[in-house]
Amino acid sequence: MTIDSDGMIWWLTGWLASHPLESTHHRLLKTIRVPAAHVTACAFGGPKLDLLYITTPPGLDPQALTQQPHAVLYLPDPPRGLPA
C-alpha cells in the first residue's frame, strides 16, 4: 500500500481479495481494476509524484508477462504521492 498527499491509503488486493477493506473507522472510496491477475505493491513516482506504479510478482513466464505486464497506471486527475 501507499499514501497520497491527501493522506488516503492506496491498498492493493491482488491476493487478498477476501480481506475486509472497510471497518467502523475506514471506508472504501473507489475500486480501480488493473489488467493483472496478481499485484504485489504500489508506489507513487515520476517527477510530480503523479504516476502510480503497480508491480506484479517476479518469475512470471514470458507468456504471462504479455498478458499481464508490470503496470504503470495513469489516472485522470491523478492524486499526488508523498516524497520518501
PDB file of N, CA and C in Angstrom:
ATOM      1  N   MET A   1       0.838  -1.178   0.000  1.00  0.00           N
ATOM      2  CA  MET A   1       0.000   0.000   0.000  1.00  0.00           C
ATOM      3  C   MET A   1       0.880   1.238   0.000  1.00  0.00           C
ATOM      4  N   THR A   2       0.290   2.374  -0.329  1.00  0.00           N
ATOM      5  CA  THR A   2       0.992   3.649  -0.314  1.00  0.00           C
ATOM      6  C   THR A   2      -0.002   4.731   0.109  1.00  0.00           C
ATOM      7  N   ILE A   3       0.501   5.906   0.412  1.00  0.00           N
ATOM      8  CA  ILE A   3      -0.346   7.019   0.862  1.00  0.00           C
ATOM      9  C   ILE A   3      -0.158   8.196  -0.073  1.00  0.00           C
ATOM     10  N   ASP A   4      -1.275   8.830  -0.459  1.00  0.00           N
ATOM     11  CA  ASP A   4      -1.161  10.006  -1.326  1.00  0.00           C
ATOM     12  C   ASP A   4      -1.061  11.281  -0.493  1.00  0.00           C
ATOM     13  N   SER A   5      -0.919  12.420  -1.170  1.00  0.00           N
ATOM     14  CA  SER A   5      -0.699  13.687  -0.466  1.00  0.00           C
ATOM     15  C   SER A   5      -1.924  14.165   0.313  1.00  0.00           C
ATOM     16  N   ASP A   6      -3.084  13.546   0.078  1.00  0.00           N
ATOM     17  CA  ASP A   6      -4.283  13.859   0.861  1.00  0.00           C
ATOM     18  C   ASP A   6      -4.421  12.952   2.078  1.00  0.00           C
ATOM     19  N   GLY A   7      -3.439  12.059   2.267  1.00  0.00           N
ATOM     20  CA  GLY A   7      -3.478  11.139   3.395  1.00  0.00           C
ATOM     21  C   GLY A   7      -4.326   9.900   3.152  1.00  0.00           C
ATOM     22  N   MET A   8      -4.705   9.666   1.893  1.00  0.00           N
ATOM     23  CA  MET A   8      -5.517   8.497   1.560  1.00  0.00           C
ATOM     24  C   MET A   8      -4.619   7.293   1.306  1.00  0.00           C
ATOM     25  N   ILE A   9      -5.043   6.139   1.779  1.00  0.00           N
ATOM     26  CA  ILE A   9      -4.294   4.897   1.594  1.00  0.00           C
ATOM     27  C   ILE A   9      -4.730   4.250   0.285  1.00  0.00           C
ATOM     28  N   TRP A  10      -3.750   3.872  -0.516  1.00  0.00           N
ATOM     29  CA  TRP A  10      -3.979   3.112  -1.739  1.00  0.00           C
ATOM     30  C   TRP A  10      -3.593   1.675  -1.421  1.00  0.00           C
ATOM     31  N   TRP A  11      -4.574   0.786  -1.432  1.00  0.00           N
ATOM     32  CA  TRP A  11      -4.405  -0.585  -0.969  1.00  0.00           C
ATOM     33  C   TRP A  11      -4.615  -1.535  -2.135  1.00  0.00           C
ATOM     34  N   LEU A  12      -3.722  -2.489  -2.316  1.00  0.00           N
ATOM     35  CA  LEU A  12      -3.854  -3.498  -3.368  1.00  0.00           C
ATOM     36  C   LEU A  12      -4.410  -4.780  -2.771  1.00  0.00           C
ATOM     37  N   THR A  13      -5.289  -5.431  -3.516  1.00  0.00           N
ATOM     38  CA  THR A  13      -5.872  -6.676  -3.021  1.00  0.00           C
ATOM     39  C   THR A  13      -5.695  -7.821  -4.004  1.00  0.00           C
ATOM     40  N   GLY A  14      -4.570  -7.881  -4.682  1.00  0.00           N
ATOM     41  CA  GLY A  14      -4.351  -8.911  -5.690  1.00  0.00           C
ATOM     42  C   GLY A  14      -4.490 -10.323  -5.184  1.00  0.00           C
ATOM     43  N   TRP A  15      -3.936 -10.635  -4.049  1.00  0.00           N
ATOM     44  CA  TRP A  15      -4.046 -11.973  -3.485  1.00  0.00           C
ATOM     45  C   TRP A  15      -4.900 -11.964  -2.222  1.00  0.00           C
ATOM     46  N   LEU A  16      -5.280 -10.806  -1.761  1.00  0.00           N
ATOM     47  CA  LEU A  16      -6.037 -10.698  -0.514  1.00  0.00           C
ATOM     48  C   LEU A  16      -7.448 -10.193  -0.755  1.00  0.00           C
ATOM     49  N   ALA A  17      -8.058 -10.581  -1.849  1.00  0.00           N
ATOM     50  CA  ALA A  17      -9.369 -10.040  -2.221  1.00  0.00           C
ATOM     51  C   ALA A  17     -10.425 -10.272  -1.154  1.00  0.00           C
ATOM     52  N   SER A  18     -10.257 -11.280  -0.319  1.00  0.00           N
ATOM     53  CA  SER A  18     -11.250 -11.528   0.718  1.00  0.00           C
ATOM     54  C   SER A  18     -10.988 -10.716   1.984  1.00  0.00           C
ATOM     55  N   HIS A  19      -9.862  -9.988   2.013  1.00  0.00           N
ATOM     56  CA  HIS A  19      -9.527  -9.166   3.180  1.00  0.00           C
ATOM     57  C   HIS A  19     -10.514  -7.996   3.281  1.00  0.00           C
ATOM     58  N   PRO A  20     -11.121  -7.781   4.438  1.00  0.00           N
ATOM     59  CA  PRO A  20     -12.083  -6.669   4.547  1.00  0.00           C
ATOM     60  C   PRO A  20     -11.394  -5.318   4.401  1.00  0.00           C
ATOM     61  N   LEU A  21     -11.902  -4.492   3.485  1.00  0.00           N
ATOM     62  CA  LEU A  21     -11.311  -3.176   3.261  1.00  0.00           C
ATOM     63  C   LEU A  21     -12.022  -2.089   4.038  1.00  0.00           C
ATOM     64  N   GLU A  22     -13.198  -2.394   4.547  1.00  0.00           N
ATOM     65  CA  GLU A  22     -13.951  -1.398   5.292  1.00  0.00           C
ATOM     66  C   GLU A  22     -14.084  -1.855   6.738  1.00  0.00           C
ATOM     67  N   SER A  23     -14.149  -0.904   7.628  1.00  0.00           N
ATOM     68  CA  SER A  23     -14.352  -1.194   9.046  1.00  0.00           C
ATOM     69  C   SER A  23     -15.136  -0.035   9.630  1.00  0.00           C
ATOM     70  N   THR A  24     -15.297  -0.021  10.923  1.00  0.00           N
ATOM     71  CA  THR A  24     -16.020   1.081  11.544  1.00  0.00           C
ATOM     72  C   THR A  24     -15.253   2.395  11.443  1.00  0.00           C
ATOM     73  N   HIS A  25     -13.937   2.328  11.178  1.00  0.00           N
ATOM     74  CA  HIS A  25     -13.108   3.533  11.109  1.00  0.00           C
ATOM     75  C   HIS A  25     -12.671   3.880   9.684  1.00  0.00           C
ATOM     76  N   HIS A  26     -12.889   2.983   8.727  1.00  0.00           N
ATOM     77  CA  HIS A  26     -12.410   3.180   7.364  1.00  0.00           C
ATOM     78  C   HIS A  26     -13.493   2.793   6.375  1.00  0.00           C
ATOM     79  N   ARG A  27     -13.469   3.439   5.193  1.00  0.00           N
ATOM     80  CA  ARG A  27     -14.406   3.040   4.143  1.00  0.00           C
ATOM     81  C   ARG A  27     -13.717   3.063   2.794  1.00  0.00           C
ATOM     82  N   LEU A  28     -14.171   2.193   1.928  1.00  0.00           N
ATOM     83  CA  LEU A  28     -13.637   2.101   0.581  1.00  0.00           C
ATOM     84  C   LEU A  28     -14.223   3.231  -0.254  1.00  0.00           C
ATOM     85  N   LEU A  29     -13.361   4.045  -0.869  1.00  0.00           N
ATOM     86  CA  LEU A  29     -13.819   5.173  -1.673  1.00  0.00           C
ATOM     87  C   LEU A  29     -13.955   4.830  -3.141  1.00  0.00           C
ATOM     88  N   LYS A  30     -13.077   3.968  -3.638  1.00  0.00           N
ATOM     89  CA  LYS A  30     -13.065   3.690  -5.076  1.00  0.00           C
ATOM     90  C   LYS A  30     -12.349   2.372  -5.331  1.00  0.00           C
ATOM     91  N   THR A  31     -12.753   1.697  -6.383  1.00  0.00           N
ATOM     92  CA  THR A  31     -12.076   0.491  -6.848  1.00  0.00           C
ATOM     93  C   THR A  31     -11.598   0.733  -8.262  1.00  0.00           C
ATOM     94  N   ILE A  32     -10.332   0.413  -8.523  1.00  0.00           N
ATOM     95  CA  ILE A  32      -9.758   0.530  -9.859  1.00  0.00           C
ATOM     96  C   ILE A  32      -9.227  -0.849 -10.232  1.00  0.00           C
ATOM     97  N   ARG A  33      -9.717  -1.395 -11.304  1.00  0.00           N
ATOM     98  CA  ARG A  33      -9.264  -2.708 -11.762  1.00  0.00           C
ATOM     99  C   ARG A  33      -8.071  -2.527 -12.702  1.00  0.00           C
ATOM    100  N   VAL A  34      -7.089  -3.417 -12.558  1.00  0.00           N
ATOM    101  CA  VAL A  34      -5.904  -3.381 -13.421  1.00  0.00           C
ATOM    102  C   VAL A  34      -5.793  -4.710 -14.163  1.00  0.00           C
ATOM    103  N   PRO A  35      -5.140  -4.728 -15.322  1.00  0.00           N
ATOM    104  CA  PRO A  35      -5.051  -5.955 -16.124  1.00  0.00           C
ATOM    105  C   PRO A  35      -3.966  -6.910 -15.634  1.00  0.00           C
ATOM    106  N   ALA A  36      -4.058  -7.331 -14.398  1.00  0.00           N
ATOM    107  CA  ALA A  36      -3.097  -8.276 -13.833  1.00  0.00           C
ATOM    108  C   ALA A  36      -3.832  -9.199 -12.875  1.00  0.00           C
ATOM    109  N   ALA A  37      -3.483 -10.467 -12.925  1.00  0.00           N
ATOM    110  CA  ALA A  37      -4.137 -11.440 -12.055  1.00  0.00           C
ATOM    111  C   ALA A  37      -3.737 -11.230 -10.589  1.00  0.00           C
ATOM    112  N   HIS A  38      -2.481 -10.889 -10.380  1.00  0.00           N
ATOM    113  CA  HIS A  38      -1.970 -10.680  -9.029  1.00  0.00           C
ATOM    114  C   HIS A  38      -1.100  -9.431  -9.020  1.00  0.00           C
ATOM    115  N   VAL A  39      -1.217  -8.639  -7.977  1.00  0.00           N
ATOM    116  CA  VAL A  39      -0.367  -7.464  -7.807  1.00  0.00           C
ATOM    117  C   VAL A  39       0.342  -7.574  -6.468  1.00  0.00           C
ATOM    118  N   THR A  40       1.520  -6.949  -6.372  1.00  0.00           N
ATOM    119  CA  THR A  40       2.316  -7.119  -5.162  1.00  0.00           C
ATOM    120  C   THR A  40       2.568  -5.827  -4.397  1.00  0.00           C
ATOM    121  N   ALA A  41       2.683  -4.697  -5.100  1.00  0.00           N
ATOM    122  CA  ALA A  41       2.986  -3.449  -4.410  1.00  0.00           C
ATOM    123  C   ALA A  41       2.592  -2.267  -5.281  1.00  0.00           C
ATOM    124  N   CYS A  42       2.473  -1.107  -4.654  1.00  0.00           N
ATOM    125  CA  CYS A  42       2.207   0.116  -5.413  1.00  0.00           C
ATOM    126  C   CYS A  42       2.969   1.263  -4.757  1.00  0.00           C
ATOM    127  N   ALA A  43       3.307   2.259  -5.579  1.00  0.00           N
ATOM    128  CA  ALA A  43       4.006   3.440  -5.088  1.00  0.00           C
ATOM    129  C   ALA A  43       3.824   4.569  -6.092  1.00  0.00           C
ATOM    130  N   PHE A  44       3.763   5.783  -5.604  1.00  0.00           N
ATOM    131  CA  PHE A  44       3.713   6.945  -6.484  1.00  0.00           C
ATOM    132  C   PHE A  44       5.126   7.307  -6.892  1.00  0.00           C
ATOM    133  N   GLY A  45       5.280   7.738  -8.149  1.00  0.00           N
ATOM    134  CA  GLY A  45       6.598   8.119  -8.647  1.00  0.00           C
ATOM    135  C   GLY A  45       6.466   9.127  -9.765  1.00  0.00           C
ATOM    136  N   GLY A  46       7.581   9.336 -10.464  1.00  0.00           N
ATOM    137  CA  GLY A  46       7.627  10.331 -11.529  1.00  0.00           C
ATOM    138  C   GLY A  46       8.017  11.682 -10.956  1.00  0.00           C
ATOM    139  N   PRO A  47       8.374  12.631 -11.808  1.00  0.00           N
ATOM    140  CA  PRO A  47       8.832  13.939 -11.353  1.00  0.00           C
ATOM    141  C   PRO A  47       7.818  14.682 -10.478  1.00  0.00           C
ATOM    142  N   LYS A  48       6.521  14.478 -10.757  1.00  0.00           N
ATOM    143  CA  LYS A  48       5.489  15.162  -9.979  1.00  0.00           C
ATOM    144  C   LYS A  48       4.822  14.243  -8.961  1.00  0.00           C
ATOM    145  N   LEU A  49       5.355  13.031  -8.803  1.00  0.00           N
ATOM    146  CA  LEU A  49       4.757  12.012  -7.941  1.00  0.00           C
ATOM    147  C   LEU A  49       3.286  11.775  -8.291  1.00  0.00           C
ATOM    148  N   ASP A  50       2.983  11.794  -9.599  1.00  0.00           N
ATOM    149  CA  ASP A  50       1.595  11.616 -10.029  1.00  0.00           C
ATOM    150  C   ASP A  50       1.385  10.360 -10.879  1.00  0.00           C
ATOM    151  N   LEU A  51       2.369   9.461 -10.886  1.00  0.00           N
ATOM    152  CA  LEU A  51       2.226   8.167 -11.540  1.00  0.00           C
ATOM    153  C   LEU A  51       2.100   7.104 -10.462  1.00  0.00           C
ATOM    154  N   LEU A  52       1.164   6.200 -10.621  1.00  0.00           N
ATOM    155  CA  LEU A  52       1.017   5.107  -9.673  1.00  0.00           C
ATOM    156  C   LEU A  52       1.634   3.866 -10.304  1.00  0.00           C
ATOM    157  N   TYR A  53       2.751   3.408  -9.749  1.00  0.00           N
ATOM    158  CA  TYR A  53       3.429   2.213 -10.232  1.00  0.00           C
ATOM    159  C   TYR A  53       2.869   1.013  -9.481  1.00  0.00           C
ATOM    160  N   ILE A  54       2.505  -0.023 -10.229  1.00  0.00           N
ATOM    161  CA  ILE A  54       1.966  -1.242  -9.636  1.00  0.00           C
ATOM    162  C   ILE A  54       2.819  -2.398 -10.125  1.00  0.00           C
ATOM    163  N   THR A  55       3.313  -3.220  -9.221  1.00  0.00           N
ATOM    164  CA  THR A  55       4.157  -4.339  -9.604  1.00  0.00           C
ATOM    165  C   THR A  55       3.374  -5.647  -9.539  1.00  0.00           C
ATOM    166  N   THR A  56       3.844  -6.589 -10.346  1.00  0.00           N
ATOM    167  CA  THR A  56       3.306  -7.941 -10.351  1.00  0.00           C
ATOM    168  C   THR A  56       4.405  -8.866  -9.846  1.00  0.00           C
ATOM    169  N   PRO A  57       4.077 -10.096  -9.514  1.00  0.00           N
ATOM    170  CA  PRO A  57       5.092 -10.966  -8.914  1.00  0.00           C
ATOM    171  C   PRO A  57       6.225 -11.294  -9.877  1.00  0.00           C
ATOM    172  N   PRO A  58       7.438 -11.465  -9.339  1.00  0.00           N
ATOM    173  CA  PRO A  58       8.570 -11.857 -10.184  1.00  0.00           C
ATOM    174  C   PRO A  58       8.417 -13.309 -10.621  1.00  0.00           C
ATOM    175  N   GLY A  59       9.141 -13.662 -11.672  1.00  0.00           N
ATOM    176  CA  GLY A  59       9.176 -15.060 -12.098  1.00  0.00           C
ATOM    177  C   GLY A  59       8.049 -15.476 -13.019  1.00  0.00           C
ATOM    178  N   LEU A  60       7.262 -14.518 -13.526  1.00  0.00           N
ATOM    179  CA  LEU A  60       6.228 -14.892 -14.480  1.00  0.00           C
ATOM    180  C   LEU A  60       6.884 -15.319 -15.785  1.00  0.00           C
ATOM    181  N   ASP A  61       6.333 -16.339 -16.425  1.00  0.00           N
ATOM    182  CA  ASP A  61       6.904 -16.774 -17.691  1.00  0.00           C
ATOM    183  C   ASP A  61       6.588 -15.744 -18.785  1.00  0.00           C
ATOM    184  N   PRO A  62       7.308 -15.772 -19.911  1.00  0.00           N
ATOM    185  CA  PRO A  62       7.113 -14.762 -20.964  1.00  0.00           C
ATOM    186  C   PRO A  62       5.664 -14.666 -21.448  1.00  0.00           C
ATOM    187  N   GLN A  63       4.964 -15.785 -21.543  1.00  0.00           N
ATOM    188  CA  GLN A  63       3.562 -15.763 -21.973  1.00  0.00           C
ATOM    189  C   GLN A  63       2.714 -14.971 -20.976  1.00  0.00           C
ATOM    190  N   ALA A  64       2.900 -15.207 -19.684  1.00  0.00           N
ATOM    191  CA  ALA A  64       2.137 -14.488 -18.661  1.00  0.00           C
ATOM    192  C   ALA A  64       2.454 -13.002 -18.689  1.00  0.00           C
ATOM    193  N   LEU A  65       3.722 -12.643 -18.939  1.00  0.00           N
ATOM    194  CA  LEU A  65       4.098 -11.228 -18.983  1.00  0.00           C
ATOM    195  C   LEU A  65       3.430 -10.482 -20.133  1.00  0.00           C
ATOM    196  N   THR A  66       3.179 -11.159 -21.252  1.00  0.00           N
ATOM    197  CA  THR A  66       2.495 -10.488 -22.358  1.00  0.00           C
ATOM    198  C   THR A  66       1.035 -10.233 -22.019  1.00  0.00           C
ATOM    199  N   GLN A  67       0.472 -11.050 -21.134  1.00  0.00           N
ATOM    200  CA  GLN A  67      -0.928 -10.899 -20.760  1.00  0.00           C
ATOM    201  C   GLN A  67      -1.114  -9.986 -19.556  1.00  0.00           C
ATOM    202  N   GLN A  68      -0.135  -9.889 -18.696  1.00  0.00           N
ATOM    203  CA  GLN A  68      -0.229  -9.043 -17.509  1.00  0.00           C
ATOM    204  C   GLN A  68       1.132  -8.446 -17.174  1.00  0.00           C
ATOM    205  N   PRO A  69       1.541  -7.446 -17.938  1.00  0.00           N
ATOM    206  CA  PRO A  69       2.853  -6.838 -17.723  1.00  0.00           C
ATOM    207  C   PRO A  69       2.896  -6.029 -16.430  1.00  0.00           C
ATOM    208  N   HIS A  70       4.122  -5.713 -15.997  1.00  0.00           N
ATOM    209  CA  HIS A  70       4.265  -4.776 -14.887  1.00  0.00           C
ATOM    210  C   HIS A  70       3.549  -3.504 -15.296  1.00  0.00           C
ATOM    211  N   ALA A  71       2.896  -2.839 -14.396  1.00  0.00           N
ATOM    212  CA  ALA A  71       1.993  -1.759 -14.786  1.00  0.00           C
ATOM    213  C   ALA A  71       2.418  -0.409 -14.241  1.00  0.00           C
ATOM    214  N   VAL A  72       2.213   0.604 -15.061  1.00  0.00           N
ATOM    215  CA  VAL A  72       2.222   1.994 -14.613  1.00  0.00           C
ATOM    216  C   VAL A  72       0.819   2.483 -14.898  1.00  0.00           C
ATOM    217  N   LEU A  73       0.123   2.904 -13.883  1.00  0.00           N
ATOM    218  CA  LEU A  73      -1.269   3.288 -14.035  1.00  0.00           C
ATOM    219  C   LEU A  73      -1.366   4.801 -14.170  1.00  0.00           C
ATOM    220  N   TYR A  74      -1.922   5.245 -15.272  1.00  0.00           N
ATOM    221  CA  TYR A  74      -2.145   6.665 -15.497  1.00  0.00           C
ATOM    222  C   TYR A  74      -3.601   6.964 -15.137  1.00  0.00           C
ATOM    223  N   LEU A  75      -3.807   7.824 -14.174  1.00  0.00           N
ATOM    224  CA  LEU A  75      -5.154   8.150 -13.737  1.00  0.00           C
ATOM    225  C   LEU A  75      -5.535   9.545 -14.214  1.00  0.00           C
ATOM    226  N   PRO A  76      -6.791   9.749 -14.627  1.00  0.00           N
ATOM    227  CA  PRO A  76      -7.218  11.111 -14.927  1.00  0.00           C
ATOM    228  C   PRO A  76      -7.281  11.903 -13.629  1.00  0.00           C
ATOM    229  N   ASP A  77      -6.873  13.157 -13.678  1.00  0.00           N
ATOM    230  CA  ASP A  77      -6.852  13.991 -12.480  1.00  0.00           C
ATOM    231  C   ASP A  77      -6.199  13.256 -11.311  1.00  0.00           C
ATOM    232  N   PRO A  78      -4.926  12.882 -11.487  1.00  0.00           N
ATOM    233  CA  PRO A  78      -4.281  11.996 -10.517  1.00  0.00           C
ATOM    234  C   PRO A  78      -4.018  12.659  -9.164  1.00  0.00           C
ATOM    235  N   PRO A  79      -4.055  11.840  -8.120  1.00  0.00           N
ATOM    236  CA  PRO A  79      -3.588  12.325  -6.826  1.00  0.00           C
ATOM    237  C   PRO A  79      -2.067  12.412  -6.883  1.00  0.00           C
ATOM    238  N   ARG A  80      -1.465  13.019  -5.928  1.00  0.00           N
ATOM    239  CA  ARG A  80      -0.013  13.100  -5.835  1.00  0.00           C
ATOM    240  C   ARG A  80       0.435  12.247  -4.659  1.00  0.00           C
ATOM    241  N   GLY A  81       1.607  11.667  -4.819  1.00  0.00           N
ATOM    242  CA  GLY A  81       2.187  10.921  -3.730  1.00  0.00           C
ATOM    243  C   GLY A  81       2.977  11.835  -2.805  1.00  0.00           C
ATOM    244  N   LEU A  82       3.543  11.251  -1.795  1.00  0.00           N
ATOM    245  CA  LEU A  82       4.378  11.988  -0.855  1.00  0.00           C
ATOM    246  C   LEU A  82       5.838  11.638  -1.089  1.00  0.00           C
ATOM    247  N   PRO A  83       6.755  12.590  -0.951  1.00  0.00           N
ATOM    248  CA  PRO A  83       8.172  12.249  -1.091  1.00  0.00           C
ATOM    249  C   PRO A  83       8.607  11.296   0.012  1.00  0.00           C
ATOM    250  N   ALA A  84       9.590  10.469  -0.305  1.00  0.00           N
ATOM    251  CA  ALA A  84      10.096   9.492   0.681  1.00  0.00           C
ATOM    252  C   ALA A  84      10.771  10.206   1.826  1.00  0.00           C
TER     253      ALA A  84
END
